[in-house]
C-alpha cells in the first residue's frame, strides 16, 4: 500500500514510522522547510506519570515504542531518565502519598522519595523540598533533532520519501484510490492519505473535516546555557499535580482549596517542567494560554518565576538563559478525548488535537491509525 502523510510534525512522522513498519510505501510532505510547530518547541518529554487512567496503557505502549525507536535511531536522543516531582508543603506531600498508594502506582513506576533519596537519585538537587515523587517510566528525547533523525533512518529503507516546502491544497477520493493536489499544481496519488495538520485548523484540515472539536493552546518556554553538572532526571514542581489528570482526587481538591497558586502561576496557568538537553542546557517551562487571539510576544513574569522555582530546587543560580520561545499546539476540547481522528472519506484521514501529549503519545497514535487503515 502507498500511504501519503501530510504534515512533518511528530504526529505525521509517527504515522510514517508506523506505516513503514507495516511494510507500506510512504510519501511524506511538509509545507515548511522543517517542522516548526509544537513538535520542536517542547520538552521532548515522554511523560507517563501524569496521564489519566484511561490513557495510561496508550502512554505505556508509546513509551515502549520510543525505547524501540531510540535503540534503532540513536540520534533521537532517547533516555530512560525518569522524573521527580518535588514537593515543598504538607498539602503537596499528601497528593504524592496518595499516588504511591493507588493500584496503578507500580505500573506508573511511582516511588515516594525522602529528601536524602532525592539527592541520591539526582545529586544536582540540593535545594528546598520535603519529598519527591519519582516516576521511573518517564523518559526524554531531543525534540529538535528527533524528527530529522527519524526521517533519515526511514529514508534508508528505500520505501520512504520526504518532501519539504510542499503545501497540499486539496485531497479527494478517486476511482482507484486518493489524490492530493499541491501548491505547484502537481497531483500525487496514494491508496490512503493521512493529514496531520498540527495547530493549523483552517485551510486543508477544515475543508476535509469541517470545524473540528479542537482548540489551540499557546505556551512559553526557555533554555539555559549548560548547567555544568548532570541533572539525572527530569524535574517538576507540585503545580503539575494541578495540571495533569492522573493526580485528580480528594487530596488534590484539598490542595487547591488550601494552597492557592502563586498569582503569576495562576494567571499564566503554569507548572514547572525541566529537562536537561544532551548539550547540558536546561529546557524549562511552561505556561498555558487558551483564549485567542494570542499575543505575538512573550511575557517576562513567568520566566522569572520559573527561574526562581528551579533555582530553589537546585540550591544554586541558573546558567544564563540563551533562548526563549512561544509555541502553539492543538488540543481536543473534550478533556476525555486523547486525539481527534476522523475518517472523512474512504482512505482519507485527519488526525490532530493530542494537546501537550503529542511527543508522549505520537508513536502509539500513529500505530493506532495504521491499524485502522490496515483493518
Protein backbone atom coordinates (compact mmCIF):
# COMPACT_ATOMS: atom_id res chain seq x y z
CA UNK A 1 0.00 0.00 0.00
CA UNK A 2 1.17 3.54 -0.78
CA UNK A 3 0.45 5.91 2.11
CA UNK A 4 0.78 9.68 1.85
CA UNK A 5 1.35 11.65 5.06
CA UNK A 6 0.65 15.38 5.11
CA UNK A 7 2.43 17.18 7.97
CA UNK A 8 6.00 16.85 9.14
CA UNK A 9 5.48 17.18 12.90
CA UNK A 10 5.54 14.43 15.48
CA UNK A 11 2.13 13.01 14.52
CA UNK A 12 2.92 12.97 10.81
CA UNK A 13 6.34 11.42 11.40
CA UNK A 14 4.94 8.86 13.85
CA UNK A 15 2.37 7.82 11.25
CA UNK A 16 5.14 7.50 8.66
CA UNK A 17 7.14 5.32 11.06
CA UNK A 18 4.14 3.08 11.78
CA UNK A 19 3.21 2.75 8.10
CA UNK A 20 6.74 1.82 7.09
CA UNK A 21 6.98 -0.79 9.86
CA UNK A 22 3.87 -2.43 8.38
CA UNK A 23 5.57 -2.70 5.01
CA UNK A 24 3.87 0.21 3.29
CA UNK A 25 5.47 2.72 0.94
CA UNK A 26 5.35 6.25 2.38
CA UNK A 27 5.39 9.66 0.72
CA UNK A 28 5.66 12.37 3.39
CA UNK A 29 5.20 16.10 2.76
CA UNK A 30 5.65 19.19 4.93
CA UNK A 31 4.73 22.72 3.89
CA UNK A 32 7.69 24.31 5.71
CA UNK A 33 11.37 23.65 5.10
CA UNK A 34 11.30 21.89 8.51
CA UNK A 35 8.64 21.22 11.11
CA UNK A 36 8.37 24.49 13.05
CA UNK A 37 5.42 23.92 15.37
CA UNK A 38 4.92 22.42 18.81
CA UNK A 39 6.94 19.33 17.84
CA UNK A 40 10.21 21.25 18.11
CA UNK A 41 9.05 23.74 20.76
CA UNK A 42 8.50 21.28 23.58
CA UNK A 43 10.45 19.50 26.32
CA UNK A 44 10.93 16.24 24.43
CA UNK A 45 9.42 14.50 27.45
CA UNK A 46 7.74 11.12 27.22
CA UNK A 47 5.52 11.76 30.23
CA UNK A 48 3.80 8.63 31.55
CA UNK A 49 3.40 9.87 35.13
CA UNK A 50 0.68 12.45 34.52
CA UNK A 51 -1.52 10.51 32.12
CA UNK A 52 -5.07 9.63 33.18
CA UNK A 53 -6.07 6.04 33.84
CA UNK A 54 -7.95 5.98 30.53
CA UNK A 55 -4.81 6.79 28.55
CA UNK A 56 -2.20 5.05 30.71
CA UNK A 57 -1.95 1.89 28.62
CA UNK A 58 -1.54 4.00 25.49
CA UNK A 59 1.17 6.07 27.15
CA UNK A 60 2.97 2.90 28.25
CA UNK A 61 2.79 1.50 24.72
CA UNK A 62 4.08 4.75 23.27
CA UNK A 63 6.94 4.87 25.75
CA UNK A 64 7.92 1.34 24.74
CA UNK A 65 7.78 2.34 21.07
CA UNK A 66 10.05 5.32 21.82
CA UNK A 67 12.50 2.96 23.51
CA UNK A 68 12.42 0.74 20.43
CA UNK A 69 12.95 3.77 18.16
CA UNK A 70 15.78 5.00 20.38
CA UNK A 71 17.53 1.66 20.07
CA UNK A 72 17.44 1.90 16.30
CA UNK A 73 17.96 5.64 15.83
CA UNK A 74 20.44 6.86 18.43
CA UNK A 75 20.27 10.47 17.22
CA UNK A 76 16.73 10.88 18.58
CA UNK A 77 18.44 11.05 21.98
CA UNK A 78 16.08 8.70 23.81
CA UNK A 79 16.90 8.33 27.55
CA UNK A 80 15.14 6.42 30.33
CA UNK A 81 15.78 9.23 32.79
CA UNK A 82 12.62 9.12 34.89
CA UNK A 83 11.28 12.19 36.68
CA UNK A 84 10.99 13.62 40.17
CA UNK A 85 8.11 15.88 41.14
CA UNK A 86 9.42 17.88 44.09
CA UNK A 87 7.06 18.85 46.90
CA UNK A 88 7.51 21.61 49.46
CA UNK A 89 4.38 21.55 51.66
CA UNK A 90 2.32 19.03 53.60
CA UNK A 91 -0.63 19.50 51.25
CA UNK A 92 1.53 18.69 48.24
CA UNK A 93 3.01 15.70 50.04
CA UNK A 94 -0.47 14.28 50.67
CA UNK A 95 -1.09 14.16 46.90
CA UNK A 96 2.20 12.34 46.35
CA UNK A 97 1.42 9.89 49.16
CA UNK A 98 -1.96 9.17 47.58
CA UNK A 99 -0.34 8.43 44.23
CA UNK A 100 2.03 5.78 45.60
CA UNK A 101 -0.89 4.08 47.39
CA UNK A 102 -3.02 3.68 44.27
CA UNK A 103 -3.40 0.37 42.45
CA UNK A 104 -1.59 1.62 39.33
CA UNK A 105 1.43 3.05 41.20
CA UNK A 106 3.68 0.15 40.20
CA UNK A 107 2.62 0.38 36.55
CA UNK A 108 3.49 4.06 36.57
CA UNK A 109 6.81 3.41 38.30
CA UNK A 110 5.92 5.67 41.24
CA UNK A 111 8.06 5.80 44.38
CA UNK A 112 7.98 8.36 47.21
CA UNK A 113 11.46 9.67 48.00
CA UNK A 114 12.75 11.31 51.16
CA UNK A 115 14.96 14.39 50.67
CA UNK A 116 18.05 12.21 51.05
CA UNK A 117 16.63 9.75 48.50
CA UNK A 118 16.05 12.64 46.09
CA UNK A 119 19.68 13.74 46.35
CA UNK A 120 20.92 10.18 45.85
CA UNK A 121 18.73 9.85 42.76
CA UNK A 122 19.59 13.30 41.41
CA UNK A 123 22.64 14.88 43.12
CA UNK A 124 22.10 18.23 41.36
CA UNK A 125 19.05 18.81 43.57
CA UNK A 126 20.41 20.47 46.70
CA UNK A 127 17.67 22.99 47.42
CA UNK A 128 14.33 23.33 49.20
CA UNK A 129 11.91 20.36 49.17
CA UNK A 130 10.50 17.90 51.71
CA UNK A 131 9.99 14.90 49.39
CA UNK A 132 9.90 13.82 45.79
CA UNK A 133 7.51 11.69 43.73
CA UNK A 134 9.73 9.61 41.46
CA UNK A 135 8.42 8.07 38.23
CA UNK A 136 10.76 5.56 36.60
CA UNK A 137 8.65 5.33 33.42
CA UNK A 138 9.15 8.91 32.28
CA UNK A 139 11.72 9.44 29.54
CA UNK A 140 13.07 12.06 27.16
CA UNK A 141 14.07 12.58 23.54
CA UNK A 142 15.78 15.51 21.85
CA UNK A 143 12.82 17.28 20.28
CA UNK A 144 14.85 19.48 17.93
CA UNK A 145 16.79 16.61 16.40
CA UNK A 146 14.43 13.62 16.73
CA UNK A 147 12.39 14.15 13.56
CA UNK A 148 15.30 14.73 11.14
CA UNK A 149 16.97 11.66 12.63
CA UNK A 150 13.81 9.59 12.18
CA UNK A 151 13.37 10.72 8.58
CA UNK A 152 16.99 9.90 7.77
CA UNK A 153 16.52 6.40 9.18
CA UNK A 154 13.25 5.88 7.29
CA UNK A 155 14.87 7.03 4.04
CA UNK A 156 17.39 4.19 4.26
CA UNK A 157 14.53 1.73 3.70
CA UNK A 158 14.06 2.81 0.09
CA UNK A 159 10.29 2.95 0.74
CA UNK A 160 10.13 6.42 2.26
CA UNK A 161 10.41 9.82 0.62
CA UNK A 162 10.16 13.19 2.36
CA UNK A 163 9.46 16.41 0.51
CA UNK A 164 9.68 19.74 2.35
CA UNK A 165 8.34 23.09 1.17
CA UNK A 166 5.25 21.48 -0.34
CA UNK A 167 1.75 22.54 0.70
CA UNK A 168 -1.18 20.28 -0.10
CA UNK A 169 -4.16 22.33 -1.26
CA UNK A 170 -6.74 19.63 -1.95
CA UNK A 171 -7.41 15.95 -1.28
CA UNK A 172 -10.09 13.81 -2.90
CA UNK A 173 -11.20 10.27 -3.44
CA UNK A 174 -10.63 8.86 -6.93
CA UNK A 175 -11.75 5.67 -8.59
CA UNK A 176 -8.50 3.87 -7.86
CA UNK A 177 -7.52 5.47 -4.53
CA UNK A 178 -6.95 9.03 -3.32
CA UNK A 179 -5.19 12.02 -4.82
CA UNK A 180 -3.68 15.23 -3.47
CA UNK A 181 -3.02 18.47 -5.31
CA UNK A 182 -0.07 20.59 -4.15
CA UNK A 183 0.73 24.29 -4.45
CA UNK A 184 2.87 23.67 -7.55
CA UNK A 185 -0.09 22.24 -9.43
CA UNK A 186 1.12 18.65 -9.16
CA UNK A 187 -1.11 15.69 -8.36
CA UNK A 188 0.04 12.89 -6.08
CA UNK A 189 -1.78 9.57 -5.83
CA UNK A 190 -1.89 7.04 -2.99
CA UNK A 191 -4.04 4.32 -1.51
CA UNK A 192 -4.51 6.31 1.72
CA UNK A 193 -3.78 9.86 2.86
CA UNK A 194 -3.35 10.90 6.49
CA UNK A 195 -3.46 14.64 7.17
CA UNK A 196 -1.74 15.69 10.42
CA UNK A 197 -2.18 19.49 10.41
CA UNK A 198 -0.96 20.25 13.92
CA UNK A 199 -2.44 23.55 15.09
CA UNK A 200 -3.39 24.64 11.54
CA UNK A 201 -7.11 24.03 11.99
CA UNK A 202 -8.15 26.02 8.92
CA UNK A 203 -7.27 25.51 5.27
CA UNK A 204 -7.00 21.89 4.16
CA UNK A 205 -7.97 20.44 7.56
CA UNK A 206 -11.20 22.45 7.72
CA UNK A 207 -12.00 21.71 4.09
CA UNK A 208 -11.73 17.99 4.79
CA UNK A 209 -13.05 17.67 8.35
CA UNK A 210 -15.10 20.82 8.91
CA UNK A 211 -14.98 22.65 12.23
CA UNK A 212 -13.23 20.15 14.48
CA UNK A 213 -13.70 19.84 18.27
CA UNK A 214 -10.20 21.17 18.94
CA UNK A 215 -8.67 24.39 20.20
CA UNK A 216 -5.25 25.97 20.09
CA UNK A 217 -3.11 26.40 23.21
CA UNK A 218 -0.11 28.73 23.46
CA UNK A 219 2.87 28.12 25.74
CA UNK A 220 6.11 29.85 26.70
CA UNK A 221 9.41 28.09 27.41
CA UNK A 222 13.12 28.79 27.68
CA UNK A 223 16.52 27.13 27.57
CA UNK A 224 19.68 27.84 29.54
CA UNK A 225 23.34 27.51 28.76
CA UNK A 226 24.94 24.24 30.02
CA UNK A 227 24.37 23.64 33.72
CA UNK A 228 27.88 22.31 34.33
CA UNK A 229 26.63 19.20 36.09
CA UNK A 230 24.23 16.38 35.28
CA UNK A 231 20.54 16.63 36.07
CA UNK A 232 19.94 12.88 36.12
CA UNK A 233 16.12 13.04 35.96
CA UNK A 234 13.53 15.41 34.62
CA UNK A 235 12.00 17.50 37.41
CA UNK A 236 8.61 19.06 38.04
CA UNK A 237 7.01 21.08 40.78
CA UNK A 238 3.75 20.26 42.53
CA UNK A 239 1.83 22.69 40.35
CA UNK A 240 1.99 19.86 37.82
CA UNK A 241 -0.39 17.97 40.13
CA UNK A 242 -2.98 20.63 39.28
CA UNK A 243 -2.41 20.29 35.56
CA UNK A 244 -2.15 16.54 34.84
CA UNK A 245 -5.27 14.36 35.12
CA UNK A 246 -3.52 11.43 36.83
CA UNK A 247 -3.41 13.33 40.13
CA UNK A 248 -7.14 14.05 40.48
CA UNK A 249 -8.58 13.09 43.84
CA UNK A 250 -9.57 14.29 47.28
CA UNK A 251 -6.06 15.33 48.26
CA UNK A 252 -5.66 17.40 45.11
CA UNK A 253 -9.02 19.05 45.82
CA UNK A 254 -7.79 19.86 49.31
CA UNK A 255 -4.56 21.26 47.90
CA UNK A 256 -6.47 23.51 45.53
CA UNK A 257 -8.69 24.78 48.35
CA UNK A 258 -6.00 25.36 50.96
CA UNK A 259 -2.94 26.31 48.94
CA UNK A 260 -3.60 28.87 46.21
CA UNK A 261 -1.10 29.03 43.40
CA UNK A 262 1.34 31.90 43.14
CA UNK A 263 -0.67 34.69 41.42
CA UNK A 264 1.69 34.71 38.41
CA UNK A 265 1.43 30.92 38.09
CA UNK A 266 -2.34 31.12 38.38
CA UNK A 267 -2.64 33.89 35.78
CA UNK A 268 -0.46 32.08 33.25
CA UNK A 269 -1.75 28.56 34.09
CA UNK A 270 1.78 27.47 34.95
CA UNK A 271 3.59 24.38 36.07
CA UNK A 272 7.30 23.72 36.19
CA UNK A 273 8.81 21.05 33.98
CA UNK A 274 12.56 20.95 33.47
CA UNK A 275 14.75 18.56 31.49
CA UNK A 276 18.42 18.67 30.60
CA UNK A 277 19.36 18.54 26.94
CA UNK A 278 22.26 16.43 25.73
CA UNK A 279 24.33 19.60 25.35
CA UNK A 280 23.89 20.32 29.07
CA UNK A 281 21.41 23.18 28.93
CA UNK A 282 18.05 23.04 30.68
CA UNK A 283 14.71 23.33 28.89
CA UNK A 284 12.31 24.98 31.35
CA UNK A 285 8.59 25.77 31.15
CA UNK A 286 5.74 26.23 30.84
CA UNK A 287 2.65 28.40 30.61
CA UNK A 288 -0.77 27.82 29.02
CA UNK A 289 -2.90 30.38 27.22
CA UNK A 290 -6.28 29.34 25.84
CA UNK A 291 -8.02 32.49 24.61
CA UNK A 292 -7.27 33.64 21.08
CA UNK A 293 -6.06 35.85 19.53
CA UNK A 294 -2.73 35.05 21.15
CA UNK A 295 -0.11 37.72 21.65
CA UNK A 296 2.87 37.73 19.33
CA UNK A 297 5.35 38.49 22.12
CA UNK A 298 6.47 36.65 25.25
CA UNK A 299 5.87 37.78 28.84
CA UNK A 300 8.72 38.08 31.34
CA UNK A 301 6.94 37.42 34.66
CA UNK A 302 6.52 33.67 34.03
CA UNK A 303 10.18 33.31 33.07
CA UNK A 304 11.30 34.98 36.29
CA UNK A 305 9.03 32.76 38.39
CA UNK A 306 10.16 29.59 36.62
CA UNK A 307 13.79 30.55 37.16
CA UNK A 308 13.15 31.15 40.86
CA UNK A 309 11.46 27.76 41.27
CA UNK A 310 14.26 25.85 39.52
CA UNK A 311 16.93 27.72 41.47
CA UNK A 312 15.07 26.85 44.68
CA UNK A 313 15.24 23.16 43.83
CA UNK A 314 18.83 23.22 42.63
CA UNK A 315 20.05 25.37 45.51
CA UNK A 316 22.11 27.46 43.06
CA UNK A 317 21.77 30.08 40.36
CA UNK A 318 20.82 29.02 36.88
CA UNK A 319 23.20 29.50 33.96
CA UNK A 320 22.23 32.32 31.59
CA UNK A 321 19.07 31.88 29.55
CA UNK A 322 20.09 31.62 25.90
CA UNK A 323 16.70 31.10 24.23
CA UNK A 324 13.08 31.99 24.90
CA UNK A 325 10.18 31.00 22.69
CA UNK A 326 6.46 30.53 22.37
CA UNK A 327 4.61 27.71 20.67
CA UNK A 328 1.06 26.67 19.83
CA UNK A 329 -0.37 23.15 19.90
CA UNK A 330 -3.72 21.59 19.06
CA UNK A 331 -5.86 20.16 21.87
CA UNK A 332 -9.19 18.32 21.89
CA UNK A 333 -11.94 20.36 23.56
CA UNK A 334 -13.29 17.24 25.26
CA UNK A 335 -10.86 16.57 28.14
CA UNK A 336 -11.60 12.84 27.88
CA UNK A 337 -10.56 12.69 24.21
CA UNK A 338 -6.95 11.69 23.57
CA UNK A 339 -6.81 12.72 19.92
CA UNK A 340 -9.23 13.82 17.19
CA UNK A 341 -9.02 11.16 14.50
CA UNK A 342 -11.65 11.17 11.78
CA UNK A 343 -12.03 9.28 8.51
CA UNK A 344 -13.54 11.88 6.19
CA UNK A 345 -13.77 9.55 3.18
CA UNK A 346 -12.58 6.11 2.18
CA UNK A 347 -8.80 6.25 2.51
CA UNK A 348 -8.68 9.87 3.82
CA UNK A 349 -7.97 10.60 7.50
CA UNK A 350 -7.39 13.74 9.57
CA UNK A 351 -5.54 13.35 12.89
CA UNK A 352 -4.85 16.22 15.31
CA UNK A 353 -5.52 17.51 18.81
CA UNK A 354 -3.36 15.44 21.20
CA UNK A 355 -2.65 18.57 23.23
CA UNK A 356 0.61 18.59 25.14
CA UNK A 357 0.74 14.80 24.77
CA UNK A 358 1.96 14.75 21.17
CA UNK A 359 5.55 13.81 21.93
CA UNK A 360 4.48 11.28 24.56
CA UNK A 361 1.70 9.58 22.61
CA UNK A 362 2.74 10.19 18.99
CA UNK A 363 4.10 6.69 18.24
CA UNK A 364 1.04 4.98 19.71
CA UNK A 365 -1.37 7.33 17.92
CA UNK A 366 0.38 6.60 14.62
CA UNK A 367 0.25 2.87 15.28
CA UNK A 368 -3.49 3.01 16.03
CA UNK A 369 -4.26 4.88 12.82
CA UNK A 370 -2.32 2.41 10.69
CA UNK A 371 -4.18 -0.41 12.48
CA UNK A 372 -7.44 1.18 11.31
CA UNK A 373 -6.20 1.63 7.75
CA UNK A 374 -4.98 -1.98 7.58
CA UNK A 375 -8.16 -3.47 9.06
